């Protein structure tokens, strides 16, 4: 009986190891303004800043077909380029490839991130940040530099608890909602647009309806206007919320 229990336990452990395992782990030394390029069919990508000096990349394949995928590393010079490659075609493959990337938080890099189905999260990172998602959400927090994020069907959430001068942030979604939370003393030139959804803001911006058809826009200069903030959605709602007002429970203008 003890032997059979031991065999069962080992079988379970082996089964779990084949479903979730670390498949790629590598550190890179990339100069400032170097490029980080990731193209992903299915899986999540998390990018965060930390106090270290190297770029750390950990990739985990999940699912019963995890062995059908391997990471192609085409990095060279000032460019990190990683693409999951499928060894063979199988209909309805049960596999997702999750990336976790940590970068020095005080160094500017150029990010080109493209995900077909999977969440993108970016925290405390600076540089040119280009994000594309077809069907899932994008979440950003305390980003600095030129940020362009677009999702066809997913929501976009951006938290600017720390704001920086000369940021250029452009967020857009076709059918998802786009929401930004910022301090009450936000200094920015703002453009908001929703073609068919609701537009709402806690800030003193001029909201206008379209002369013909539905949709609203809001524009204005807040404070010294040190940065640019564009928030757009075709079919979803668009929000620019004050962190201070939300924290105090004041939910309406």
C-alpha atoms as a PDB file:
ATOM      1  CA  UNK A   1       0.000   0.000   0.000  1.00  0.00           C
ATOM      2  CA  UNK A   2       2.793   2.444   0.904  1.00  0.00           C
ATOM      3  CA  UNK A   3       4.561   1.656  -2.356  1.00  0.00           C
ATOM      4  CA  UNK A   4       1.421   2.322  -4.421  1.00  0.00           C
ATOM      5  CA  UNK A   5       0.861   5.647  -2.639  1.00  0.00           C
ATOM      6  CA  UNK A   6       4.463   6.611  -3.362  1.00  0.00           C
ATOM      7  CA  UNK A   7       4.050   5.744  -7.039  1.00  0.00           C
ATOM      8  CA  UNK A   8       0.851   7.812  -7.234  1.00  0.00           C
ATOM      9  CA  UNK A   9       2.551  10.798  -5.566  1.00  0.00           C
ATOM     10  CA  UNK A  10       5.467  10.607  -7.995  1.00  0.00           C
ATOM     11  CA  UNK A  11       3.076  10.377 -10.932  1.00  0.00           C
ATOM     12  CA  UNK A  12       1.206  13.480  -9.755  1.00  0.00           C
ATOM     13  CA  UNK A  13       4.445  15.395  -9.272  1.00  0.00           C
ATOM     14  CA  UNK A  14       5.660  14.406 -12.721  1.00  0.00           C
ATOM     15  CA  UNK A  15       2.319  15.389 -14.261  1.00  0.00           C
ATOM     16  CA  UNK A  16       2.435  18.833 -12.640  1.00  0.00           C
ATOM     17  CA  UNK A  17       6.024  19.354 -13.769  1.00  0.00           C
ATOM     18  CA  UNK A  18       5.022  18.695 -17.358  1.00  0.00           C
ATOM     19  CA  UNK A  19       2.183  21.227 -17.161  1.00  0.00           C
ATOM     20  CA  UNK A  20       4.093  24.115 -15.548  1.00  0.00           C
ATOM     21  CA  UNK A  21       7.861  24.391 -15.830  1.00  0.00           C
ATOM     22  CA  UNK A  22      10.515  26.995 -16.426  1.00  0.00           C
ATOM     23  CA  UNK A  23      11.497  26.747 -20.085  1.00  0.00           C
ATOM     24  CA  UNK A  24      13.782  29.737 -20.678  1.00  0.00           C
ATOM     25  CA  UNK A  25      15.845  31.756 -18.223  1.00  0.00           C
ATOM     26  CA  UNK A  26      18.483  34.190 -19.401  1.00  0.00           C
ATOM     27  CA  UNK A  27      20.056  37.507 -18.381  1.00  0.00           C
ATOM     28  CA  UNK A  28      21.127  40.185 -20.853  1.00  0.00           C
ATOM     29  CA  UNK A  29      23.342  43.267 -20.725  1.00  0.00           C
ATOM     30  CA  UNK A  30      21.623  45.790 -22.976  1.00  0.00           C
ATOM     31  CA  UNK A  31      22.863  49.372 -23.447  1.00  0.00           C
ATOM     32  CA  UNK A  32      20.499  52.329 -22.931  1.00  0.00           C
ATOM     33  CA  UNK A  33      18.007  52.759 -25.793  1.00  0.00           C
ATOM     34  CA  UNK A  34      18.444  49.103 -26.745  1.00  0.00           C
ATOM     35  CA  UNK A  35      15.427  47.271 -28.184  1.00  0.00           C
ATOM     36  CA  UNK A  36      13.370  44.529 -26.545  1.00  0.00           C
ATOM     37  CA  UNK A  37      11.141  42.778 -29.100  1.00  0.00           C
ATOM     38  CA  UNK A  38       8.609  40.094 -28.117  1.00  0.00           C
ATOM     39  CA  UNK A  39       5.956  38.588 -30.422  1.00  0.00           C
ATOM     40  CA  UNK A  40       3.565  36.175 -28.740  1.00  0.00           C
ATOM     41  CA  UNK A  41       0.557  34.214 -29.963  1.00  0.00           C
ATOM     42  CA  UNK A  42      -0.911  33.108 -26.628  1.00  0.00           C
ATOM     43  CA  UNK A  43       0.272  33.974 -23.141  1.00  0.00           C
ATOM     44  CA  UNK A  44       0.862  36.845 -20.717  1.00  0.00           C
ATOM     45  CA  UNK A  45       3.754  39.302 -20.607  1.00  0.00           C
ATOM     46  CA  UNK A  46       4.787  41.144 -17.456  1.00  0.00           C
ATOM     47  CA  UNK A  47       7.507  43.808 -17.615  1.00  0.00           C
ATOM     48  CA  UNK A  48       8.673  45.551 -14.433  1.00  0.00           C
ATOM     49  CA  UNK A  49      11.498  47.805 -13.323  1.00  0.00           C
ATOM     50  CA  UNK A  50      13.857  46.813 -10.503  1.00  0.00           C
ATOM     51  CA  UNK A  51      17.103  47.982  -8.895  1.00  0.00           C
ATOM     52  CA  UNK A  52      19.398  45.527 -10.703  1.00  0.00           C
ATOM     53  CA  UNK A  53      21.735  46.103 -13.653  1.00  0.00           C
ATOM     54  CA  UNK A  54      20.819  43.250 -16.010  1.00  0.00           C
ATOM     55  CA  UNK A  55      17.675  42.417 -17.942  1.00  0.00           C
ATOM     56  CA  UNK A  56      16.199  39.199 -16.570  1.00  0.00           C
ATOM     57  CA  UNK A  57      13.924  37.079 -18.779  1.00  0.00           C
ATOM     58  CA  UNK A  58      12.012  34.050 -17.523  1.00  0.00           C
ATOM     59  CA  UNK A  59       9.625  32.161 -19.811  1.00  0.00           C
ATOM     60  CA  UNK A  60       7.244  29.437 -18.672  1.00  0.00           C
ATOM     61  CA  UNK A  61       5.201  27.203 -20.990  1.00  0.00           C
ATOM     62  CA  UNK A  62       1.890  26.016 -19.567  1.00  0.00           C
ATOM     63  CA  UNK A  63      -0.537  23.357 -20.772  1.00  0.00           C
ATOM     64  CA  UNK A  64      -0.545  19.757 -21.928  1.00  0.00           C
ATOM     65  CA  UNK A  65       1.123  20.723 -25.235  1.00  0.00           C
ATOM     66  CA  UNK A  66       3.880  22.781 -23.635  1.00  0.00           C
ATOM     67  CA  UNK A  67       6.617  20.635 -25.194  1.00  0.00           C
ATOM     68  CA  UNK A  68       5.523  21.716 -28.672  1.00  0.00           C
ATOM     69  CA  UNK A  69       6.907  25.232 -28.091  1.00  0.00           C
ATOM     70  CA  UNK A  70      10.474  26.459 -27.762  1.00  0.00           C
ATOM     71  CA  UNK A  71      11.880  29.981 -27.531  1.00  0.00           C
ATOM     72  CA  UNK A  72      13.852  31.250 -30.503  1.00  0.00           C
ATOM     73  CA  UNK A  73      16.458  33.738 -29.287  1.00  0.00           C
ATOM     74  CA  UNK A  74      17.512  35.992 -32.180  1.00  0.00           C
ATOM     75  CA  UNK A  75      19.147  38.602 -29.941  1.00  0.00           C
ATOM     76  CA  UNK A  76      22.247  40.431 -31.097  1.00  0.00           C
ATOM     77  CA  UNK A  77      24.034  43.710 -30.423  1.00  0.00           C
ATOM     78  CA  UNK A  78      21.675  46.186 -28.787  1.00  0.00           C
ATOM     79  CA  UNK A  79      18.553  44.089 -29.455  1.00  0.00           C
ATOM     80  CA  UNK A  80      16.776  41.349 -27.496  1.00  0.00           C
ATOM     81  CA  UNK A  81      14.434  39.450 -29.826  1.00  0.00           C
ATOM     82  CA  UNK A  82      12.471  36.462 -28.518  1.00  0.00           C
ATOM     83  CA  UNK A  83       9.790  34.527 -30.410  1.00  0.00           C
ATOM     84  CA  UNK A  84       8.036  31.304 -29.342  1.00  0.00           C
ATOM     85  CA  UNK A  85       8.328  28.734 -32.123  1.00  0.00           C
ATOM     86  CA  UNK A  86       5.875  25.858 -32.535  1.00  0.00           C
ATOM     87  CA  UNK A  87       7.659  22.595 -33.410  1.00  0.00           C
ATOM     88  CA  UNK A  88       4.585  21.168 -35.081  1.00  0.00           C
ATOM     89  CA  UNK A  89       1.057  22.213 -35.926  1.00  0.00           C
ATOM     90  CA  UNK A  90      -1.720  20.764 -33.795  1.00  0.00           C
ATOM     91  CA  UNK A  91      -5.343  21.989 -33.895  1.00  0.00           C
ATOM     92  CA  UNK A  92      -6.571  23.483 -30.605  1.00  0.00           C
ATOM     93  CA  UNK A  93      -3.157  23.371 -28.968  1.00  0.00           C
ATOM     94  CA  UNK A  94      -3.275  23.489 -25.173  1.00  0.00           C
ATOM     95  CA  UNK A  95      -0.304  25.759 -24.482  1.00  0.00           C
ATOM     96  CA  UNK A  96       0.346  29.299 -23.332  1.00  0.00           C
ATOM     97  CA  UNK A  97       3.745  30.980 -23.047  1.00  0.00           C
ATOM     98  CA  UNK A  98       4.191  33.449 -20.181  1.00  0.00           C
ATOM     99  CA  UNK A  99       7.025  35.994 -20.129  1.00  0.00           C
ATOM    100  CA  UNK A 100       8.287  37.794 -17.033  1.00  0.00           C
ATOM    101  CA  UNK A 101      10.877  40.470 -17.800  1.00  0.00           C
ATOM    102  CA  UNK A 102      12.674  42.643 -15.260  1.00  0.00           C
ATOM    103  CA  UNK A 103      14.685  45.652 -16.431  1.00  0.00           C
ATOM    104  CA  UNK A 104      16.800  48.283 -14.635  1.00  0.00           C
ATOM    105  CA  UNK A 105      14.222  50.916 -13.678  1.00  0.00           C
ATOM    106  CA  UNK A 106      16.520  53.901 -14.335  1.00  0.00           C
ATOM    107  CA  UNK A 107      17.523  52.911 -17.899  1.00  0.00           C
ATOM    108  CA  UNK A 108      15.543  53.824 -21.002  1.00  0.00           C
ATOM    109  CA  UNK A 109      14.796  51.017 -23.445  1.00  0.00           C
ATOM    110  CA  UNK A 110      12.717  50.625 -26.590  1.00  0.00           C
ATOM    111  CA  UNK A 111       9.986  48.013 -26.161  1.00  0.00           C
ATOM    112  CA  UNK A 112       8.090  46.410 -29.044  1.00  0.00           C
ATOM    113  CA  UNK A 113       5.555  44.011 -27.533  1.00  0.00           C
ATOM    114  CA  UNK A 114       2.897  42.254 -29.606  1.00  0.00           C
ATOM    115  CA  UNK A 115       0.444  39.725 -28.141  1.00  0.00           C
ATOM    116  CA  UNK A 116      -2.451  38.077 -29.961  1.00  0.00           C
ATOM    117  CA  UNK A 117      -4.165  36.586 -26.906  1.00  0.00           C
ATOM    118  CA  UNK A 118      -2.793  37.444 -23.497  1.00  0.00           C
ATOM    119  CA  UNK A 119      -2.532  40.203 -20.903  1.00  0.00           C
ATOM    120  CA  UNK A 120       0.277  42.768 -20.997  1.00  0.00           C
ATOM    121  CA  UNK A 121       1.336  44.471 -17.756  1.00  0.00           C
ATOM    122  CA  UNK A 122       4.079  47.106 -17.532  1.00  0.00           C
ATOM    123  CA  UNK A 123       5.169  48.620 -14.193  1.00  0.00           C
ATOM    124  CA  UNK A 124       7.772  51.272 -13.335  1.00  0.00           C
ATOM    125  CA  UNK A 125       9.557  51.223 -16.709  1.00  0.00           C
ATOM    126  CA  UNK A 126      10.935  54.052 -18.854  1.00  0.00           C
ATOM    127  CA  UNK A 127      11.706  54.579 -22.547  1.00  0.00           C
ATOM    128  CA  UNK A 128       9.712  54.068 -25.728  1.00  0.00           C
ATOM    129  CA  UNK A 129       7.008  51.545 -24.859  1.00  0.00           C
ATOM    130  CA  UNK A 130       5.020  50.162 -27.787  1.00  0.00           C
ATOM    131  CA  UNK A 131       2.298  47.654 -26.847  1.00  0.00           C
ATOM    132  CA  UNK A 132      -0.161  45.831 -29.120  1.00  0.00           C
ATOM    133  CA  UNK A 133      -2.819  43.333 -27.990  1.00  0.00           C
ATOM    134  CA  UNK A 134      -5.542  41.831 -30.149  1.00  0.00           C
ATOM    135  CA  UNK A 135      -8.022  40.385 -27.671  1.00  0.00           C
ATOM    136  CA  UNK A 136      -6.792  40.939 -24.108  1.00  0.00           C
ATOM    137  CA  UNK A 137      -6.131  43.747 -21.659  1.00  0.00           C
ATOM    138  CA  UNK A 138      -3.172  46.066 -21.141  1.00  0.00           C
ATOM    139  CA  UNK A 139      -2.256  47.459 -17.728  1.00  0.00           C
ATOM    140  CA  UNK A 140       0.343  50.163 -17.096  1.00  0.00           C
ATOM    141  CA  UNK A 141       1.557  51.814 -13.911  1.00  0.00           C
ATOM    142  CA  UNK A 142       4.070  54.624 -13.388  1.00  0.00           C
ATOM    143  CA  UNK A 143       5.515  54.475 -16.892  1.00  0.00           C
ATOM    144  CA  UNK A 144       7.810  57.180 -18.211  1.00  0.00           C
ATOM    145  CA  UNK A 145       8.655  58.268 -21.760  1.00  0.00           C
ATOM    146  CA  UNK A 146       6.770  57.729 -25.008  1.00  0.00           C
ATOM    147  CA  UNK A 147       4.012  55.175 -24.469  1.00  0.00           C
ATOM    148  CA  UNK A 148       1.760  53.845 -27.229  1.00  0.00           C
ATOM    149  CA  UNK A 149      -0.685  51.093 -26.238  1.00  0.00           C
ATOM    150  CA  UNK A 150      -3.404  49.688 -28.456  1.00  0.00           C
ATOM    151  CA  UNK A 151      -5.853  46.826 -27.961  1.00  0.00           C
ATOM    152  CA  UNK A 152      -8.450  45.766 -30.505  1.00  0.00           C
ATOM    153  CA  UNK A 153     -10.895  44.054 -28.139  1.00  0.00           C
ATOM    154  CA  UNK A 154      -9.362  44.466 -24.682  1.00  0.00           C
ATOM    155  CA  UNK A 155      -9.465  47.079 -21.950  1.00  0.00           C
ATOM    156  CA  UNK A 156      -6.579  49.406 -21.128  1.00  0.00           C
ATOM    157  CA  UNK A 157      -5.884  50.621 -17.587  1.00  0.00           C
ATOM    158  CA  UNK A 158      -3.152  53.153 -16.798  1.00  0.00           C
ATOM    159  CA  UNK A 159      -2.298  54.301 -13.280  1.00  0.00           C
ATOM    160  CA  UNK A 160      -0.118  57.403 -13.056  1.00  0.00           C
ATOM    161  CA  UNK A 161       0.372  57.663  -9.298  1.00  0.00           C
ATOM    162  CA  UNK A 162       3.760  59.139 -10.205  1.00  0.00           C
ATOM    163  CA  UNK A 163       3.759  61.485 -13.169  1.00  0.00           C
ATOM    164  CA  UNK A 164       6.751  62.704 -15.136  1.00  0.00           C
ATOM    165  CA  UNK A 165       7.424  65.788 -17.237  1.00  0.00           C
ATOM    166  CA  UNK A 166       7.434  65.377 -21.020  1.00  0.00           C
ATOM    167  CA  UNK A 167       5.597  62.076 -21.033  1.00  0.00           C
ATOM    168  CA  UNK A 168       3.763  61.305 -24.259  1.00  0.00           C
ATOM    169  CA  UNK A 169       1.061  58.716 -23.546  1.00  0.00           C
ATOM    170  CA  UNK A 170      -1.349  57.523 -26.243  1.00  0.00           C
ATOM    171  CA  UNK A 171      -3.862  54.812 -25.335  1.00  0.00           C
ATOM    172  CA  UNK A 172      -6.497  53.429 -27.686  1.00  0.00           C
ATOM    173  CA  UNK A 173      -8.896  50.499 -28.012  1.00  0.00           C
ATOM    174  CA  UNK A 174     -11.417  49.564 -30.672  1.00  0.00           C
ATOM    175  CA  UNK A 175     -14.101  47.920 -28.522  1.00  0.00           C
ATOM    176  CA  UNK A 176     -12.616  47.919 -25.012  1.00  0.00           C
ATOM    177  CA  UNK A 177     -12.698  50.517 -22.256  1.00  0.00           C
ATOM    178  CA  UNK A 178      -9.768  52.871 -21.656  1.00  0.00           C
ATOM    179  CA  UNK A 179      -9.279  54.185 -18.127  1.00  0.00           C
ATOM    180  CA  UNK A 180      -6.572  56.413 -16.654  1.00  0.00           C
ATOM    181  CA  UNK A 181      -6.085  57.314 -12.990  1.00  0.00           C
ATOM    182  CA  UNK A 182      -3.905  60.353 -12.286  1.00  0.00           C
ATOM    183  CA  UNK A 183      -3.130  62.736  -9.390  1.00  0.00           C
ATOM    184  CA  UNK A 184      -5.401  65.752  -8.963  1.00  0.00           C
ATOM    185  CA  UNK A 185      -2.482  68.064  -9.824  1.00  0.00           C
ATOM    186  CA  UNK A 186      -1.900  66.364 -13.194  1.00  0.00           C
ATOM    187  CA  UNK A 187      -0.002  68.638 -15.584  1.00  0.00           C
ATOM    188  CA  UNK A 188      -0.851  67.648 -19.150  1.00  0.00           C
ATOM    189  CA  UNK A 189      -2.426  68.499 -22.468  1.00  0.00           C
ATOM    190  CA  UNK A 190      -5.312  66.063 -22.709  1.00  0.00           C
ATOM    191  CA  UNK A 191      -7.369  64.663 -25.565  1.00  0.00           C
ATOM    192  CA  UNK A 192     -10.184  62.189 -24.903  1.00  0.00           C
ATOM    193  CA  UNK A 193     -12.507  60.609 -27.439  1.00  0.00           C
ATOM    194  CA  UNK A 194     -15.228  57.943 -27.440  1.00  0.00           C
ATOM    195  CA  UNK A 195     -17.089  57.374 -30.692  1.00  0.00           C
ATOM    196  CA  UNK A 196     -19.932  55.300 -29.247  1.00  0.00           C
ATOM    197  CA  UNK A 197     -19.281  54.784 -25.525  1.00  0.00           C
ATOM    198  CA  UNK A 198     -19.390  56.942 -22.413  1.00  0.00           C
ATOM    199  CA  UNK A 199     -16.807  59.644 -21.701  1.00  0.00           C
ATOM    200  CA  UNK A 200     -16.200  60.735 -18.112  1.00  0.00           C
ATOM    201  CA  UNK A 201     -13.568  62.755 -16.272  1.00  0.00           C
ATOM    202  CA  UNK A 202     -12.962  64.285 -12.849  1.00  0.00           C
ATOM    203  CA  UNK A 203     -10.792  67.008 -14.374  1.00  0.00           C
ATOM    204  CA  UNK A 204     -11.890  70.441 -15.688  1.00  0.00           C
ATOM    205  CA  UNK A 205     -11.889  69.569 -19.380  1.00  0.00           C
ATOM    206  CA  UNK A 206     -14.272  70.817 -22.037  1.00  0.00           C
ATOM    207  CA  UNK A 207     -16.571  67.949 -23.036  1.00  0.00           C
ATOM    208  CA  UNK A 208     -18.321  68.216 -26.371  1.00  0.00           C
ATOM    209  CA  UNK A 209     -20.776  65.972 -28.174  1.00  0.00           C
ATOM    210  CA  UNK A 210     -20.530  65.336 -31.876  1.00  0.00           C
ATOM    211  CA  UNK A 211     -22.662  67.577 -34.047  1.00  0.00           C
ATOM    212  CA  UNK A 212     -23.902  64.575 -35.989  1.00  0.00           C
ATOM    213  CA  UNK A 213     -24.293  61.123 -34.487  1.00  0.00           C
ATOM    214  CA  UNK A 214     -23.152  59.862 -31.108  1.00  0.00           C
ATOM    215  CA  UNK A 215     -19.798  60.214 -29.431  1.00  0.00           C
ATOM    216  CA  UNK A 216     -17.965  62.733 -27.265  1.00  0.00           C
ATOM    217  CA  UNK A 217     -14.583  64.399 -27.040  1.00  0.00           C
ATOM    218  CA  UNK A 218     -12.849  66.248 -24.217  1.00  0.00           C
ATOM    219  CA  UNK A 219      -9.815  68.498 -24.544  1.00  0.00           C
ATOM    220  CA  UNK A 220      -7.931  70.907 -22.363  1.00  0.00           C
ATOM    221  CA  UNK A 221      -4.712  71.919 -20.686  1.00  0.00           C
ATOM    222  CA  UNK A 222      -4.195  70.950 -17.064  1.00  0.00           C
ATOM    223  CA  UNK A 223      -1.600  72.834 -15.062  1.00  0.00           C
ATOM    224  CA  UNK A 224       1.478  73.721 -17.114  1.00  0.00           C
ATOM    225  CA  UNK A 225       0.670  71.030 -19.683  1.00  0.00           C
ATOM    226  CA  UNK A 226       4.092  69.381 -19.357  1.00  0.00           C
ATOM    227  CA  UNK A 227       3.044  66.095 -20.931  1.00  0.00           C
ATOM    228  CA  UNK A 228       0.591  64.819 -23.530  1.00  0.00           C
ATOM    229  CA  UNK A 229      -2.169  62.329 -22.758  1.00  0.00           C
ATOM    230  CA  UNK A 230      -4.465  60.852 -25.417  1.00  0.00           C
ATOM    231  CA  UNK A 231      -7.248  58.400 -24.411  1.00  0.00           C
ATOM    232  CA  UNK A 232      -9.457  56.976 -27.149  1.00  0.00           C
ATOM    233  CA  UNK A 233     -11.959  54.180 -27.746  1.00  0.00           C
ATOM    234  CA  UNK A 234     -14.297  53.555 -30.659  1.00  0.00           C
ATOM    235  CA  UNK A 235     -16.973  51.460 -28.915  1.00  0.00           C
ATOM    236  CA  UNK A 236     -15.914  51.424 -25.255  1.00  0.00           C
ATOM    237  CA  UNK A 237     -16.037  53.973 -22.464  1.00  0.00           C
ATOM    238  CA  UNK A 238     -13.222  56.443 -21.773  1.00  0.00           C
ATOM    239  CA  UNK A 239     -12.395  57.635 -18.246  1.00  0.00           C
ATOM    240  CA  UNK A 240      -9.849  60.017 -16.732  1.00  0.00           C
ATOM    241  CA  UNK A 241     -10.169  59.754 -12.961  1.00  0.00           C
ATOM    242  CA  UNK A 242      -8.534  61.760 -10.192  1.00  0.00           C
ATOM    243  CA  UNK A 243      -6.835  59.460  -7.702  1.00  0.00           C
ATOM    244  CA  UNK A 244      -7.448  62.020  -4.945  1.00  0.00           C
ATOM    245  CA  UNK A 245     -11.160  62.272  -5.635  1.00  0.00           C
ATOM    246  CA  UNK A 246     -11.598  58.526  -5.924  1.00  0.00           C
ATOM    247  CA  UNK A 247      -9.796  57.969  -2.636  1.00  0.00           C
ATOM    248  CA  UNK A 248     -12.066  60.491  -0.884  1.00  0.00           C
ATOM    249  CA  UNK A 249     -15.184  58.818  -2.241  1.00  0.00           C
ATOM    250  CA  UNK A 250     -16.174  61.662  -4.563  1.00  0.00           C
ATOM    251  CA  UNK A 251     -17.179  59.759  -7.685  1.00  0.00           C
ATOM    252  CA  UNK A 252     -18.861  62.532  -9.641  1.00  0.00           C
ATOM    253  CA  UNK A 253     -17.871  65.974 -10.874  1.00  0.00           C
END
